[in-house]
Amino acid sequence: MDKIFKRVPKGTDEGNREPAVQEQTVPASPPVPPAEKPVNEGHAPKFAWKIKTPGDPKVAKNQTPEVKDIPNDLWTKCPHCKELIYTKELDNNKKVCLKCGHNFRLSAAERLQWLLDEGSFVEINSRLVTSDPLQFTSLTEPPYAEKAAQVRQKTGLNEALITGTATLEEMPLGISVTDFSYQGASMGSVFGEKLVRLIELCIERKLPLLTVNSSGGARMHEGIFSLMQMAKTTAALTRLGEASLPHISLLTDPCTGGVIASFASVADVIIAEPGALIGFAGPRVIEQITKQKLPPGFQTAEFLLEHGMIDQVVARKELRFVLANLLRFYQLAASHLPIFEREVSYAR
């Protein structure tokens, strides 16, 4: 086979030889620097250890984070519109709802603070304390004397009525204010005695009388002694009228029972706050007795104004201005009183 086919070494045949390719030298490219790792902006660099922020203790998995105590009186819910009101804003608005205008109940101290000149109130007969003339006991409540002591300790008041003298825009007057937190401002024997002593002081000093009334009626623990205060206070107001001295009655929510049936409605001018409940008996009791459906808004201040039972319904923020104007009118009338009496004597 070697004789037939002659092996030709590769690359020896000039005819079949491929042309040699000339190698070209390519310039070396500059070295590429290693790519930098991207930096996470807004994040802290990662370390092998953890950095503890001062004041931020590590919370265990089974441990709940500590929550700061929130005061219970920070917000107040309106009972009329169910709106949550910031308590500080409510106090700045004299406890009138900023949304619906509902008037919250005020304590006697708040009434005195917002109605009178600052620092002008001087309390009288503050040491009179409720007694227990009937030795009243109940099956469901502690004895009356013990209950009265508990209420005095809770409210800091000796009686539901606070009386004294003060000035309103520099005009002197006698004033009595009830506090509903003391047994519903019910009228007992000490209640009536303090009011009568105030009326007698107004007659002695020639002072007009302002009564701020909120009550649930006569105090049942004193029986007939509490009912006698209705006649006692009304008779004293008769002597005040005979002395030509005015009685201005301010009715607040609620004013019911023996108080509205006696001295609270025996006045020269009767004013009420908006929406105040005013009446002798409650609407449910009246419906049960009369078997009739009461009209809407029955026993409210607006209903009584419409039917001529009171003289005016005044918003709380305007009370001070309206009361001051009434006192000025009576002062002006008192200055002309001798001339009027002289004219009457000439006519006779």
Protein backbone atom coordinates (compact mmCIF):
# COMPACT_ATOMS: atom_id res chain seq x y z
CA MET A 1 0.00 0.00 0.00
CA ASP A 2 2.89 2.30 0.67
CA LYS A 3 4.00 1.79 -2.89
CA ILE A 4 0.67 2.71 -4.36
CA PHE A 5 -0.09 5.62 -2.14
CA LYS A 6 2.73 7.91 -1.25
CA ARG A 7 2.28 9.69 2.03
CA VAL A 8 2.94 13.28 1.69
CA PRO A 9 3.83 15.08 4.88
CA LYS A 10 1.50 17.88 5.85
CA GLY A 11 2.58 21.23 4.74
CA THR A 12 5.04 19.96 2.17
CA ASP A 13 2.71 20.40 -0.80
CA GLU A 14 3.19 23.87 -1.98
CA GLY A 15 0.06 23.82 -4.12
CA ASN A 16 -2.20 22.84 -1.35
CA ARG A 17 -0.42 24.84 1.27
CA GLU A 18 -2.59 27.51 2.88
CA PRO A 19 -1.18 30.98 3.01
CA ALA A 20 0.30 31.87 6.28
CA VAL A 21 -1.66 34.39 8.26
CA GLN A 22 0.33 37.25 9.54
CA GLU A 23 -0.27 37.77 13.22
CA GLN A 24 -1.08 41.36 14.15
CA THR A 25 -0.17 42.67 17.54
CA VAL A 26 -3.18 44.21 19.37
CA PRO A 27 -2.37 46.83 21.96
CA ALA A 28 -3.19 45.70 25.47
CA SER A 29 -6.29 47.39 27.02
CA PRO A 30 -5.91 49.22 30.32
CA PRO A 31 -6.70 47.17 33.41
CA VAL A 32 -10.32 47.41 34.57
CA PRO A 33 -10.60 48.34 38.23
CA PRO A 34 -12.72 46.02 40.38
CA ALA A 35 -16.38 47.10 40.62
CA GLU A 36 -17.29 48.80 43.86
CA LYS A 37 -20.11 47.30 45.91
CA PRO A 38 -23.25 49.47 45.92
CA VAL A 39 -23.85 51.35 49.13
CA ASN A 40 -27.36 51.06 50.62
CA GLU A 41 -28.41 54.64 51.07
CA GLY A 42 -30.49 55.33 54.17
CA HIS A 43 -29.39 52.13 55.90
CA ALA A 44 -26.79 51.63 58.51
CA PRO A 45 -23.74 49.63 57.40
CA LYS A 46 -23.79 45.98 58.29
CA PHE A 47 -21.44 44.89 60.97
CA ALA A 48 -20.75 41.63 62.64
CA TRP A 49 -22.15 43.07 65.87
CA LYS A 50 -25.42 44.92 66.72
CA ILE A 51 -25.50 48.52 67.84
CA LYS A 52 -27.89 49.18 70.72
CA THR A 53 -29.58 52.55 70.66
CA PRO A 54 -29.54 54.17 74.09
CA GLY A 55 -32.97 54.25 75.71
CA ASP A 56 -34.32 51.52 73.45
CA PRO A 57 -34.06 48.28 75.47
CA LYS A 58 -34.37 44.98 73.74
CA VAL A 59 -37.89 43.59 74.04
CA ALA A 60 -38.16 39.89 74.57
CA LYS A 61 -40.33 37.83 72.26
CA ASN A 62 -42.87 36.98 74.95
CA GLN A 63 -42.73 40.43 76.55
CA THR A 64 -45.15 43.16 75.44
CA PRO A 65 -43.74 46.68 75.07
CA GLU A 66 -44.45 49.03 77.94
CA VAL A 67 -47.31 51.48 77.23
CA LYS A 68 -47.39 54.85 78.96
CA ASP A 69 -50.39 55.54 81.17
CA ILE A 70 -53.06 57.76 79.57
CA PRO A 71 -55.18 59.91 81.93
CA ASN A 72 -58.79 58.76 82.20
CA ASP A 73 -60.13 62.30 81.92
CA LEU A 74 -58.29 63.21 78.71
CA TRP A 75 -61.44 62.81 76.58
CA THR A 76 -65.12 63.30 77.40
CA LYS A 77 -67.99 61.68 75.51
CA CYS A 78 -71.04 63.83 74.87
CA PRO A 79 -74.19 61.98 76.06
CA HIS A 80 -76.29 63.72 73.40
CA CYS A 81 -74.32 63.38 70.13
CA LYS A 82 -71.80 60.70 71.32
CA GLU A 83 -68.89 62.84 70.14
CA LEU A 84 -65.49 62.50 71.84
CA ILE A 85 -64.34 65.91 73.02
CA TYR A 86 -60.94 66.93 74.31
CA THR A 87 -61.64 67.69 77.98
CA LYS A 88 -59.49 70.82 77.99
CA GLU A 89 -61.42 72.26 75.04
CA LEU A 90 -64.69 71.36 76.77
CA ASP A 91 -63.66 73.24 79.92
CA ASN A 92 -62.59 76.26 77.87
CA ASN A 93 -66.08 76.29 76.32
CA LYS A 94 -67.72 76.25 79.78
CA LYS A 95 -68.62 72.57 79.39
CA VAL A 96 -70.82 73.04 76.34
CA CYS A 97 -70.44 70.47 73.56
CA LEU A 98 -68.60 71.95 70.60
CA LYS A 99 -70.63 69.89 68.11
CA CYS A 100 -74.26 69.79 69.30
CA GLY A 101 -74.33 72.50 72.02
CA HIS A 102 -75.31 70.13 74.83
CA ASN A 103 -74.88 71.66 78.29
CA PHE A 104 -72.98 69.43 80.71
CA ARG A 105 -73.84 69.69 84.40
CA LEU A 106 -71.67 72.03 86.44
CA SER A 107 -70.64 71.87 90.06
CA ALA A 108 -71.43 74.71 92.44
CA ALA A 109 -67.78 75.83 92.40
CA GLU A 110 -67.77 76.04 88.59
CA ARG A 111 -70.98 78.07 88.61
CA LEU A 112 -69.56 80.55 91.06
CA GLN A 113 -66.32 80.80 89.11
CA TRP A 114 -67.93 81.52 85.73
CA LEU A 115 -70.80 83.74 86.88
CA LEU A 116 -69.30 86.09 89.46
CA ASP A 117 -66.43 88.54 89.65
CA GLU A 118 -63.18 86.85 90.52
CA GLY A 119 -62.57 86.59 94.27
CA SER A 120 -65.80 88.37 95.21
CA PHE A 121 -67.77 85.44 96.65
CA VAL A 122 -68.04 85.24 100.46
CA GLU A 123 -69.81 82.14 101.74
CA ILE A 124 -72.16 82.32 104.73
CA ASN A 125 -73.58 79.61 107.01
CA SER A 126 -71.06 77.08 105.69
CA ARG A 127 -70.93 75.13 108.97
CA LEU A 128 -74.58 74.06 108.97
CA VAL A 129 -74.67 70.27 108.64
CA THR A 130 -77.55 67.95 107.77
CA SER A 131 -79.18 66.30 110.77
CA ASP A 132 -81.31 63.16 111.02
CA PRO A 133 -84.57 64.24 112.68
CA LEU A 134 -86.46 61.02 111.83
CA GLN A 135 -83.61 58.55 112.50
CA PHE A 136 -84.25 57.31 108.98
CA THR A 137 -83.14 53.78 108.09
CA SER A 138 -83.52 51.65 104.97
CA LEU A 139 -83.20 47.97 104.11
CA THR A 140 -81.03 48.61 101.05
CA GLU A 141 -79.01 51.64 102.19
CA PRO A 142 -77.01 52.62 105.27
CA PRO A 143 -78.70 54.87 107.85
CA TYR A 144 -79.30 58.45 106.73
CA ALA A 145 -76.77 59.93 109.14
CA GLU A 146 -74.08 57.53 107.92
CA LYS A 147 -74.95 58.13 104.28
CA ALA A 148 -74.83 61.92 104.74
CA ALA A 149 -71.35 61.60 106.28
CA GLN A 150 -70.19 59.54 103.30
CA VAL A 151 -71.55 62.12 100.84
CA ARG A 152 -69.84 64.94 102.74
CA GLN A 153 -66.54 63.10 102.57
CA LYS A 154 -66.96 62.32 98.87
CA THR A 155 -68.05 65.79 97.68
CA GLY A 156 -66.35 68.02 100.25
CA LEU A 157 -69.68 69.82 100.83
CA ASN A 158 -71.69 70.08 104.03
CA GLU A 159 -74.98 70.56 102.17
CA ALA A 160 -76.37 70.59 98.64
CA LEU A 161 -76.88 74.38 98.79
CA ILE A 162 -74.09 76.98 98.94
CA THR A 163 -75.06 80.54 99.89
CA GLY A 164 -73.20 83.84 100.14
CA THR A 165 -72.71 87.35 98.82
CA ALA A 166 -70.72 88.45 95.80
CA THR A 167 -70.52 91.00 93.00
CA LEU A 168 -71.43 90.65 89.33
CA GLU A 169 -69.72 93.33 87.22
CA GLU A 170 -69.19 95.24 90.48
CA MET A 171 -72.90 95.07 91.43
CA PRO A 172 -73.51 93.41 94.84
CA LEU A 173 -76.01 90.57 95.21
CA GLY A 174 -76.90 87.54 97.29
CA ILE A 175 -76.55 84.20 95.58
CA SER A 176 -77.40 80.55 96.24
CA VAL A 177 -76.13 77.66 94.11
CA THR A 178 -77.10 74.00 94.31
CA ASP A 179 -74.71 71.11 93.66
CA PHE A 180 -76.39 68.07 92.11
CA SER A 181 -73.57 65.74 93.19
CA TYR A 182 -74.77 66.05 96.82
CA GLN A 183 -77.72 63.61 96.96
CA GLY A 184 -79.21 65.03 93.78
CA ALA A 185 -79.36 68.52 95.35
CA SER A 186 -82.48 67.43 97.23
CA MET A 187 -84.00 69.96 99.63
CA GLY A 188 -83.85 69.12 103.32
CA SER A 189 -84.21 71.12 106.51
CA VAL A 190 -80.67 72.57 106.39
CA PHE A 191 -81.12 73.39 102.70
CA GLY A 192 -84.22 75.46 103.46
CA GLU A 193 -82.67 77.09 106.54
CA LYS A 194 -79.62 78.28 104.61
CA LEU A 195 -81.80 79.76 101.86
CA VAL A 196 -84.07 81.59 104.34
CA ARG A 197 -81.04 83.04 106.15
CA LEU A 198 -79.70 84.30 102.82
CA ILE A 199 -83.04 85.95 101.98
CA GLU A 200 -83.12 87.67 105.36
CA LEU A 201 -79.57 88.92 104.78
CA CYS A 202 -80.59 90.33 101.38
CA ILE A 203 -83.51 92.16 103.01
CA GLU A 204 -81.19 93.56 105.68
CA ARG A 205 -78.53 94.76 103.19
CA LYS A 206 -80.95 95.68 100.36
CA LEU A 207 -79.41 93.17 97.95
CA PRO A 208 -81.01 91.48 94.93
CA LEU A 209 -81.19 87.67 95.09
CA LEU A 210 -79.98 85.21 92.45
CA THR A 211 -80.75 81.51 92.91
CA VAL A 212 -79.15 78.89 90.64
CA ASN A 213 -81.39 75.85 90.93
CA SER A 214 -80.82 72.21 90.05
CA SER A 215 -82.55 69.59 92.16
CA GLY A 216 -84.35 66.27 92.26
CA GLY A 217 -86.95 67.60 94.72
CA ALA A 218 -87.56 67.22 98.44
CA ARG A 219 -85.30 64.86 100.41
CA MET A 220 -87.29 61.78 101.33
CA HIS A 221 -84.97 60.90 104.24
CA GLU A 222 -86.40 63.85 106.23
CA GLY A 223 -90.06 63.31 105.38
CA ILE A 224 -92.37 66.12 106.50
CA PHE A 225 -89.40 68.28 107.56
CA SER A 226 -88.24 68.54 103.94
CA LEU A 227 -91.77 69.28 102.68
CA MET A 228 -92.10 72.11 105.20
CA GLN A 229 -89.18 73.88 103.48
CA MET A 230 -91.40 74.57 100.48
CA ALA A 231 -93.70 76.81 102.52
CA LYS A 232 -90.81 78.21 104.56
CA THR A 233 -88.77 79.42 101.57
CA THR A 234 -91.82 80.75 99.73
CA ALA A 235 -92.86 82.83 102.76
CA ALA A 236 -89.35 84.29 102.99
CA LEU A 237 -89.46 85.27 99.32
CA THR A 238 -92.75 87.05 99.98
CA ARG A 239 -90.98 89.26 102.51
CA LEU A 240 -88.23 89.89 99.92
CA GLY A 241 -90.86 91.09 97.43
CA GLU A 242 -92.46 93.34 100.05
CA ALA A 243 -89.03 94.98 100.47
CA SER A 244 -89.04 95.74 96.69
CA LEU A 245 -86.01 93.51 96.09
CA PRO A 246 -85.83 91.28 93.01
CA HIS A 247 -85.43 87.53 92.89
CA ILE A 248 -83.89 86.11 89.68
CA SER A 249 -84.16 82.35 89.30
CA LEU A 250 -81.83 80.41 86.99
CA LEU A 251 -83.09 76.90 86.22
CA THR A 252 -80.50 74.31 85.16
CA ASP A 253 -80.70 70.64 84.27
CA PRO A 254 -82.50 69.02 86.02
CA CYS A 255 -84.89 71.05 88.18
CA THR A 256 -87.81 68.98 89.42
CA GLY A 257 -89.98 68.10 92.40
CA GLY A 258 -90.46 70.30 95.41
CA VAL A 259 -87.81 72.83 94.38
CA ILE A 260 -89.50 73.83 91.11
CA ALA A 261 -92.86 73.70 92.96
CA SER A 262 -91.68 76.26 95.53
CA PHE A 263 -88.99 78.95 95.58
CA ALA A 264 -87.45 78.22 92.15
CA SER A 265 -90.62 79.31 90.35
CA VAL A 266 -91.48 82.16 92.77
CA ALA A 267 -89.30 84.79 91.09
CA ASP A 268 -89.53 88.09 89.26
CA VAL A 269 -87.54 86.73 86.31
CA ILE A 270 -87.12 83.02 85.50
CA ILE A 271 -84.25 82.06 83.17
CA ALA A 272 -83.30 78.58 82.01
CA GLU A 273 -80.38 77.00 80.21
CA PRO A 274 -81.00 75.36 76.82
CA GLY A 275 -82.30 71.81 76.98
CA ALA A 276 -82.77 71.81 80.77
CA LEU A 277 -85.28 69.30 82.17
CA ILE A 278 -87.85 71.26 84.18
CA GLY A 279 -90.99 69.82 85.76
CA PHE A 280 -92.59 68.49 88.90
CA ALA A 281 -92.77 64.78 88.02
CA GLY A 282 -90.86 62.85 85.39
CA PRO A 283 -92.38 62.28 81.94
CA ARG A 284 -92.57 58.50 82.44
CA VAL A 285 -94.64 58.92 85.61
CA ILE A 286 -96.98 61.35 83.85
CA GLU A 287 -97.50 58.97 80.93
CA GLN A 288 -98.31 56.10 83.27
CA ILE A 289 -100.90 58.15 85.17
CA THR A 290 -102.55 59.99 82.27
CA LYS A 291 -102.30 57.06 79.81
CA GLN A 292 -101.37 59.57 77.12
CA LYS A 293 -98.34 60.05 74.91
CA LEU A 294 -96.54 63.28 75.76
CA PRO A 295 -95.59 65.73 72.99
CA PRO A 296 -91.95 65.83 71.82
CA GLY A 297 -89.68 68.07 73.88
CA PHE A 298 -92.05 67.96 76.86
CA GLN A 299 -90.62 69.46 80.09
CA THR A 300 -87.64 71.04 78.36
CA ALA A 301 -86.73 74.71 78.75
CA GLU A 302 -87.77 75.47 75.18
CA PHE A 303 -91.18 73.80 75.70
CA LEU A 304 -91.81 75.82 78.86
CA LEU A 305 -90.76 79.05 77.14
CA GLU A 306 -93.20 78.38 74.31
CA HIS A 307 -96.04 77.88 76.82
CA GLY A 308 -95.19 80.93 78.95
CA MET A 309 -93.85 79.15 82.03
CA ILE A 310 -90.43 80.84 81.96
CA ASP A 311 -89.23 84.20 80.67
CA GLN A 312 -86.08 83.42 78.70
CA VAL A 313 -83.74 80.65 77.57
CA VAL A 314 -80.15 81.88 77.68
CA ALA A 315 -77.00 80.17 76.41
CA ARG A 316 -74.39 79.53 79.05
CA LYS A 317 -71.79 81.84 77.51
CA GLU A 318 -74.32 84.72 77.61
CA LEU A 319 -75.59 84.19 81.17
CA ARG A 320 -73.22 86.63 82.81
CA PHE A 321 -74.11 89.40 80.34
CA VAL A 322 -77.90 88.85 80.66
CA LEU A 323 -77.83 88.69 84.48
CA ALA A 324 -75.74 91.87 84.66
CA ASN A 325 -78.26 93.71 82.46
CA LEU A 326 -81.15 92.58 84.67
CA LEU A 327 -79.36 93.83 87.77
CA ARG A 328 -78.75 97.20 86.11
CA PHE A 329 -82.45 97.52 85.25
CA TYR A 330 -83.42 96.85 88.86
CA GLN A 331 -80.81 99.30 90.15
CA LEU A 332 -82.25 101.94 87.87
CA ALA A 333 -85.77 101.14 89.04
CA ALA A 334 -84.68 101.30 92.69
CA SER A 335 -83.19 104.75 92.15
CA HIS A 336 -86.60 106.02 90.95
CA LEU A 337 -88.57 104.19 93.64
CA PRO A 338 -88.91 107.18 96.07
CA ILE A 339 -90.32 109.33 93.25
CA PHE A 340 -92.84 106.61 92.37
CA GLU A 341 -93.94 106.25 96.00
CA ARG A 342 -94.37 110.00 96.30
CA GLU A 343 -96.56 110.08 93.18
CA VAL A 344 -98.73 107.27 94.55
CA SER A 345 -99.22 109.13 97.85
CA TYR A 346 -100.25 112.27 95.99
CA ALA A 347 -102.81 110.27 94.00
CA ARG A 348 -104.36 108.98 97.18
